[in-house]
Amino acid sequence: MSVRFALGEAAIELPDPVHGQPALLQRRQALGRTAGGAVYVYDKGLTQREVVLRFAALSDGQRAAMEDFFDTVCQGARNPFTYTDEHGNAVVARFLDSSLAFFRVSHDVWSLALRLELSSSGG
């Protein structure tokens, strides 16, 4: 199976991410304390779902395709896209980092970890 990243006519497929990636539910709030020690919370009214995907063995071609999709198509976090997970669930997603960090595992083999904001609980 594979996962898919798509925006308009541009689409790439990568092998399934490594199992065990974190899936976060984050409530956007500002938290603080008064001078007297009382806790106050300003609720921004937004709940965000985030997933970390780790890929262990991408080829040079897959690396180049992901770099192009990230840099040219999505322009980093600017443009949301459709992410389809290994189970076929499609959600609107956005990159949460302004860079992609690839690590060379061996000749023509790269690893990558990336964070996505998901529009729903998919992923």
N, C-alpha and C. Protein backbone atom coordinates (compact mmCIF):
# COMPACT_ATOMS: atom_id res chain seq x y z
N MET A 1 0.84 -1.17 0.00
CA MET A 1 0.00 0.00 0.00
C MET A 1 0.89 1.24 0.00
N SER A 2 0.26 2.39 -0.09
CA SER A 2 1.02 3.62 -0.13
C SER A 2 0.15 4.77 0.39
N VAL A 3 0.79 5.92 0.56
CA VAL A 3 0.09 7.14 0.90
C VAL A 3 0.22 8.09 -0.27
N ARG A 4 -0.72 9.05 -0.36
CA ARG A 4 -0.75 9.94 -1.52
C ARG A 4 -0.88 11.38 -1.06
N PHE A 5 -0.16 12.26 -1.73
CA PHE A 5 -0.22 13.70 -1.52
C PHE A 5 -0.67 14.29 -2.85
N ALA A 6 -1.74 15.09 -2.87
CA ALA A 6 -2.24 15.61 -4.14
C ALA A 6 -2.76 17.04 -4.00
N LEU A 7 -2.46 17.85 -5.00
CA LEU A 7 -2.99 19.20 -5.10
C LEU A 7 -3.15 19.51 -6.58
N GLY A 8 -4.38 19.69 -7.01
CA GLY A 8 -4.64 19.92 -8.42
C GLY A 8 -4.18 18.73 -9.24
N GLU A 9 -3.41 19.00 -10.28
CA GLU A 9 -2.89 17.94 -11.15
C GLU A 9 -1.66 17.26 -10.57
N ALA A 10 -1.04 17.86 -9.57
CA ALA A 10 0.19 17.32 -8.99
C ALA A 10 -0.15 16.29 -7.92
N ALA A 11 0.48 15.13 -8.00
CA ALA A 11 0.27 14.08 -7.00
C ALA A 11 1.51 13.20 -6.92
N ILE A 12 1.82 12.75 -5.71
CA ILE A 12 2.91 11.80 -5.53
C ILE A 12 2.45 10.72 -4.57
N GLU A 13 3.01 9.55 -4.73
CA GLU A 13 2.75 8.44 -3.82
C GLU A 13 4.06 8.03 -3.17
N LEU A 14 3.97 7.75 -1.88
CA LEU A 14 5.12 7.27 -1.12
C LEU A 14 4.73 5.97 -0.43
N PRO A 15 5.70 5.14 -0.09
CA PRO A 15 5.37 3.91 0.64
C PRO A 15 4.77 4.27 2.01
N ASP A 16 4.09 3.29 2.61
CA ASP A 16 3.49 3.51 3.92
C ASP A 16 4.52 4.08 4.89
N PRO A 17 4.08 5.02 5.73
CA PRO A 17 4.99 5.50 6.77
C PRO A 17 5.25 4.42 7.81
N VAL A 18 6.30 4.60 8.57
CA VAL A 18 6.64 3.68 9.66
C VAL A 18 5.49 3.69 10.67
N HIS A 19 5.15 2.53 11.19
CA HIS A 19 4.07 2.44 12.18
C HIS A 19 4.49 3.12 13.48
N GLY A 20 3.49 3.56 14.23
CA GLY A 20 3.74 4.14 15.53
C GLY A 20 3.93 5.65 15.53
N GLN A 21 3.46 6.33 14.45
CA GLN A 21 3.62 7.78 14.43
C GLN A 21 2.62 8.45 15.37
N PRO A 22 3.03 9.57 16.00
CA PRO A 22 2.13 10.27 16.90
C PRO A 22 0.98 10.94 16.14
N ALA A 23 -0.19 10.92 16.73
CA ALA A 23 -1.35 11.66 16.24
C ALA A 23 -1.82 12.53 17.40
N LEU A 24 -1.75 13.83 17.23
CA LEU A 24 -2.02 14.76 18.32
C LEU A 24 -3.34 15.47 18.13
N LEU A 25 -4.04 15.68 19.22
CA LEU A 25 -5.21 16.54 19.25
C LEU A 25 -4.82 17.72 20.11
N GLN A 26 -4.78 18.89 19.51
CA GLN A 26 -4.26 20.06 20.21
C GLN A 26 -5.34 21.13 20.28
N ARG A 27 -5.65 21.54 21.50
CA ARG A 27 -6.61 22.62 21.72
C ARG A 27 -5.82 23.91 21.84
N ARG A 28 -6.11 24.89 21.01
CA ARG A 28 -5.38 26.15 21.00
C ARG A 28 -5.89 27.04 22.13
N GLN A 29 -5.04 27.21 23.13
CA GLN A 29 -5.36 28.02 24.29
C GLN A 29 -4.11 28.76 24.76
N ALA A 30 -4.34 29.94 25.30
CA ALA A 30 -3.27 30.66 25.97
C ALA A 30 -3.48 30.46 27.47
N LEU A 31 -2.45 30.04 28.15
CA LEU A 31 -2.53 29.72 29.57
C LEU A 31 -1.56 30.60 30.33
N GLY A 32 -2.01 31.13 31.45
CA GLY A 32 -1.13 31.98 32.25
C GLY A 32 -1.56 32.01 33.70
N ARG A 33 -0.86 32.79 34.49
CA ARG A 33 -1.18 32.95 35.91
C ARG A 33 -1.20 34.43 36.25
N THR A 34 -2.09 34.78 37.13
CA THR A 34 -2.12 36.15 37.63
C THR A 34 -1.00 36.32 38.65
N ALA A 35 -0.76 37.56 39.07
CA ALA A 35 0.26 37.82 40.09
C ALA A 35 -0.06 37.09 41.39
N GLY A 36 -1.34 36.86 41.65
CA GLY A 36 -1.76 36.14 42.85
C GLY A 36 -1.71 34.63 42.71
N GLY A 37 -1.35 34.11 41.52
CA GLY A 37 -1.21 32.67 41.33
C GLY A 37 -2.41 31.98 40.72
N ALA A 38 -3.49 32.71 40.46
CA ALA A 38 -4.67 32.09 39.85
C ALA A 38 -4.40 31.79 38.37
N VAL A 39 -4.86 30.65 37.92
CA VAL A 39 -4.69 30.25 36.52
C VAL A 39 -5.80 30.88 35.68
N TYR A 40 -5.42 31.40 34.53
CA TYR A 40 -6.43 31.86 33.58
C TYR A 40 -6.14 31.24 32.22
N VAL A 41 -7.21 30.99 31.48
CA VAL A 41 -7.10 30.36 30.17
C VAL A 41 -7.90 31.19 29.18
N TYR A 42 -7.25 31.54 28.09
CA TYR A 42 -7.92 32.21 26.99
C TYR A 42 -8.10 31.16 25.90
N ASP A 43 -9.33 30.78 25.64
CA ASP A 43 -9.63 29.75 24.66
C ASP A 43 -9.77 30.40 23.29
N LYS A 44 -8.93 29.98 22.37
CA LYS A 44 -8.97 30.53 21.01
C LYS A 44 -10.02 29.83 20.15
N GLY A 45 -10.69 28.82 20.72
CA GLY A 45 -11.80 28.17 20.02
C GLY A 45 -11.39 27.29 18.86
N LEU A 46 -10.17 26.82 18.85
CA LEU A 46 -9.69 26.02 17.72
C LEU A 46 -9.07 24.73 18.24
N THR A 47 -9.51 23.63 17.67
CA THR A 47 -8.89 22.34 17.95
C THR A 47 -8.21 21.88 16.67
N GLN A 48 -6.97 21.50 16.79
CA GLN A 48 -6.16 21.12 15.63
C GLN A 48 -5.71 19.68 15.76
N ARG A 49 -5.80 18.94 14.66
CA ARG A 49 -5.28 17.57 14.61
C ARG A 49 -3.98 17.59 13.83
N GLU A 50 -3.00 16.91 14.39
CA GLU A 50 -1.67 16.89 13.80
C GLU A 50 -1.17 15.45 13.79
N VAL A 51 -0.47 15.09 12.72
CA VAL A 51 0.13 13.76 12.64
C VAL A 51 1.59 13.91 12.21
N VAL A 52 2.43 13.06 12.76
CA VAL A 52 3.83 13.00 12.35
C VAL A 52 3.99 11.73 11.51
N LEU A 53 4.51 11.89 10.31
CA LEU A 53 4.74 10.74 9.43
C LEU A 53 6.23 10.54 9.29
N ARG A 54 6.65 9.28 9.43
CA ARG A 54 8.07 8.93 9.26
C ARG A 54 8.19 7.92 8.13
N PHE A 55 9.04 8.24 7.20
CA PHE A 55 9.31 7.36 6.07
C PHE A 55 10.75 6.87 6.20
N ALA A 56 10.96 5.56 6.11
CA ALA A 56 12.27 4.99 6.41
C ALA A 56 13.12 4.72 5.18
N ALA A 57 12.53 4.52 4.02
CA ALA A 57 13.32 4.09 2.87
C ALA A 57 12.79 4.70 1.58
N LEU A 58 13.05 5.98 1.38
CA LEU A 58 12.66 6.65 0.14
C LEU A 58 13.82 6.64 -0.83
N SER A 59 13.50 6.48 -2.11
CA SER A 59 14.54 6.50 -3.15
C SER A 59 14.90 7.94 -3.50
N ASP A 60 15.96 8.11 -4.28
CA ASP A 60 16.32 9.44 -4.77
C ASP A 60 15.15 10.08 -5.52
N GLY A 61 14.46 9.28 -6.34
CA GLY A 61 13.32 9.79 -7.11
C GLY A 61 12.16 10.21 -6.21
N GLN A 62 11.87 9.43 -5.19
CA GLN A 62 10.81 9.79 -4.26
C GLN A 62 11.19 11.05 -3.48
N ARG A 63 12.45 11.14 -3.12
CA ARG A 63 12.91 12.36 -2.43
C ARG A 63 12.72 13.58 -3.32
N ALA A 64 13.14 13.49 -4.56
CA ALA A 64 13.00 14.61 -5.49
C ALA A 64 11.53 14.98 -5.71
N ALA A 65 10.67 13.97 -5.83
CA ALA A 65 9.24 14.23 -6.02
C ALA A 65 8.64 14.94 -4.80
N MET A 66 9.02 14.50 -3.60
CA MET A 66 8.50 15.14 -2.39
C MET A 66 9.04 16.56 -2.26
N GLU A 67 10.31 16.78 -2.58
CA GLU A 67 10.87 18.13 -2.53
C GLU A 67 10.11 19.06 -3.48
N ASP A 68 9.84 18.59 -4.70
CA ASP A 68 9.12 19.40 -5.68
C ASP A 68 7.70 19.69 -5.21
N PHE A 69 7.00 18.67 -4.69
CA PHE A 69 5.64 18.86 -4.19
C PHE A 69 5.62 19.88 -3.06
N PHE A 70 6.54 19.75 -2.11
CA PHE A 70 6.62 20.65 -0.97
C PHE A 70 6.96 22.08 -1.40
N ASP A 71 8.02 22.23 -2.21
CA ASP A 71 8.55 23.55 -2.54
C ASP A 71 7.75 24.26 -3.63
N THR A 72 7.48 23.58 -4.71
CA THR A 72 6.85 24.20 -5.88
C THR A 72 5.33 24.18 -5.82
N VAL A 73 4.77 23.02 -5.52
CA VAL A 73 3.31 22.86 -5.55
C VAL A 73 2.66 23.48 -4.31
N CYS A 74 3.06 23.04 -3.14
CA CYS A 74 2.44 23.53 -1.89
C CYS A 74 3.06 24.82 -1.38
N GLN A 75 4.26 25.12 -1.83
CA GLN A 75 5.00 26.28 -1.36
C GLN A 75 5.10 26.26 0.17
N GLY A 76 5.62 25.13 0.67
CA GLY A 76 5.73 24.93 2.12
C GLY A 76 4.36 24.78 2.74
N ALA A 77 4.06 25.56 3.75
CA ALA A 77 2.79 25.47 4.45
C ALA A 77 1.69 26.31 3.81
N ARG A 78 2.01 27.03 2.74
CA ARG A 78 1.05 27.97 2.14
C ARG A 78 -0.21 27.29 1.61
N ASN A 79 -0.07 26.22 0.82
CA ASN A 79 -1.22 25.63 0.13
C ASN A 79 -1.62 24.28 0.74
N PRO A 80 -2.87 24.16 1.18
CA PRO A 80 -3.34 22.85 1.66
C PRO A 80 -3.48 21.88 0.50
N PHE A 81 -3.45 20.59 0.81
CA PHE A 81 -3.52 19.54 -0.20
C PHE A 81 -4.33 18.38 0.35
N THR A 82 -4.59 17.39 -0.47
CA THR A 82 -5.29 16.20 -0.03
C THR A 82 -4.28 15.13 0.32
N TYR A 83 -4.37 14.63 1.54
CA TYR A 83 -3.51 13.53 2.00
C TYR A 83 -4.39 12.29 2.12
N THR A 84 -3.99 11.21 1.46
CA THR A 84 -4.70 9.95 1.55
C THR A 84 -3.80 8.96 2.27
N ASP A 85 -4.26 8.48 3.42
CA ASP A 85 -3.42 7.58 4.22
C ASP A 85 -3.43 6.16 3.68
N GLU A 86 -2.70 5.28 4.34
CA GLU A 86 -2.54 3.90 3.88
C GLU A 86 -3.83 3.09 3.94
N HIS A 87 -4.86 3.63 4.60
CA HIS A 87 -6.16 2.95 4.68
C HIS A 87 -7.16 3.51 3.68
N GLY A 88 -6.74 4.49 2.89
CA GLY A 88 -7.62 5.09 1.88
C GLY A 88 -8.42 6.27 2.39
N ASN A 89 -8.17 6.75 3.61
CA ASN A 89 -8.87 7.91 4.16
C ASN A 89 -8.24 9.18 3.61
N ALA A 90 -9.04 10.01 2.96
CA ALA A 90 -8.53 11.26 2.39
C ALA A 90 -8.99 12.45 3.24
N VAL A 91 -8.04 13.33 3.57
CA VAL A 91 -8.33 14.53 4.35
C VAL A 91 -7.56 15.70 3.77
N VAL A 92 -8.04 16.89 4.02
CA VAL A 92 -7.29 18.08 3.65
C VAL A 92 -6.19 18.25 4.69
N ALA A 93 -4.97 18.51 4.23
CA ALA A 93 -3.82 18.61 5.12
C ALA A 93 -2.97 19.80 4.73
N ARG A 94 -2.05 20.14 5.63
CA ARG A 94 -1.10 21.23 5.39
C ARG A 94 0.21 20.86 6.07
N PHE A 95 1.33 21.15 5.41
CA PHE A 95 2.63 20.96 6.06
C PHE A 95 2.73 21.96 7.22
N LEU A 96 3.28 21.53 8.34
CA LEU A 96 3.43 22.40 9.50
C LEU A 96 4.85 22.93 9.68
N ASP A 97 5.78 22.47 8.89
CA ASP A 97 7.16 22.93 8.98
C ASP A 97 7.53 23.67 7.71
N SER A 98 8.47 24.58 7.82
CA SER A 98 8.92 25.35 6.65
C SER A 98 10.09 24.68 5.94
N SER A 99 10.45 23.47 6.39
CA SER A 99 11.54 22.74 5.73
C SER A 99 11.26 21.24 5.80
N LEU A 100 11.88 20.51 4.89
CA LEU A 100 11.87 19.05 4.92
C LEU A 100 13.28 18.60 5.25
N ALA A 101 13.42 17.73 6.23
CA ALA A 101 14.75 17.24 6.62
C ALA A 101 14.88 15.77 6.22
N PHE A 102 15.62 15.54 5.15
CA PHE A 102 15.90 14.18 4.69
C PHE A 102 17.22 13.73 5.32
N PHE A 103 17.31 12.45 5.64
CA PHE A 103 18.55 11.87 6.18
C PHE A 103 18.95 10.71 5.29
N ARG A 104 20.20 10.72 4.85
CA ARG A 104 20.69 9.64 3.98
C ARG A 104 20.93 8.39 4.82
N VAL A 105 20.26 7.31 4.45
CA VAL A 105 20.41 6.02 5.13
C VAL A 105 21.52 5.23 4.45
N SER A 106 21.52 5.22 3.13
CA SER A 106 22.57 4.60 2.33
C SER A 106 22.42 5.14 0.91
N HIS A 107 23.17 4.57 -0.03
CA HIS A 107 23.08 5.02 -1.42
C HIS A 107 21.64 4.90 -1.91
N ASP A 108 21.07 5.99 -2.41
CA ASP A 108 19.71 6.04 -2.96
C ASP A 108 18.64 5.64 -1.93
N VAL A 109 18.91 5.82 -0.65
CA VAL A 109 17.91 5.53 0.39
C VAL A 109 17.91 6.68 1.39
N TRP A 110 16.73 7.25 1.61
CA TRP A 110 16.56 8.42 2.47
C TRP A 110 15.45 8.17 3.49
N SER A 111 15.57 8.78 4.63
CA SER A 111 14.47 8.79 5.60
C SER A 111 13.96 10.22 5.71
N LEU A 112 12.72 10.35 6.13
CA LEU A 112 12.07 11.66 6.24
C LEU A 112 11.02 11.60 7.34
N ALA A 113 10.93 12.63 8.15
CA ALA A 113 9.83 12.79 9.10
C ALA A 113 9.20 14.14 8.80
N LEU A 114 7.87 14.18 8.75
CA LEU A 114 7.19 15.45 8.51
C LEU A 114 5.93 15.54 9.34
N ARG A 115 5.53 16.76 9.63
CA ARG A 115 4.32 17.03 10.41
C ARG A 115 3.25 17.61 9.51
N LEU A 116 2.04 17.08 9.65
CA LEU A 116 0.89 17.57 8.89
C LEU A 116 -0.21 17.99 9.83
N GLU A 117 -0.87 19.09 9.51
CA GLU A 117 -2.12 19.45 10.17
C GLU A 117 -3.23 18.84 9.34
N LEU A 118 -4.14 18.11 9.99
CA LEU A 118 -5.24 17.44 9.30
C LEU A 118 -6.55 18.16 9.59
N SER A 119 -7.42 18.23 8.59
CA SER A 119 -8.70 18.91 8.76
C SER A 119 -9.69 18.09 9.57
N SER A 120 -9.47 16.78 9.69
CA SER A 120 -10.35 15.92 10.47
C SER A 120 -9.52 14.83 11.11
N SER A 121 -10.18 13.84 11.71
CA SER A 121 -9.46 12.82 12.48
C SER A 121 -8.78 11.76 11.62
N GLY A 122 -8.81 11.86 10.31
CA GLY A 122 -8.15 10.86 9.48
C GLY A 122 -6.67 10.79 9.76
N GLY A 123 -6.02 9.75 9.27
CA GLY A 123 -4.57 9.63 9.41
C GLY A 123 -4.11 8.98 10.62
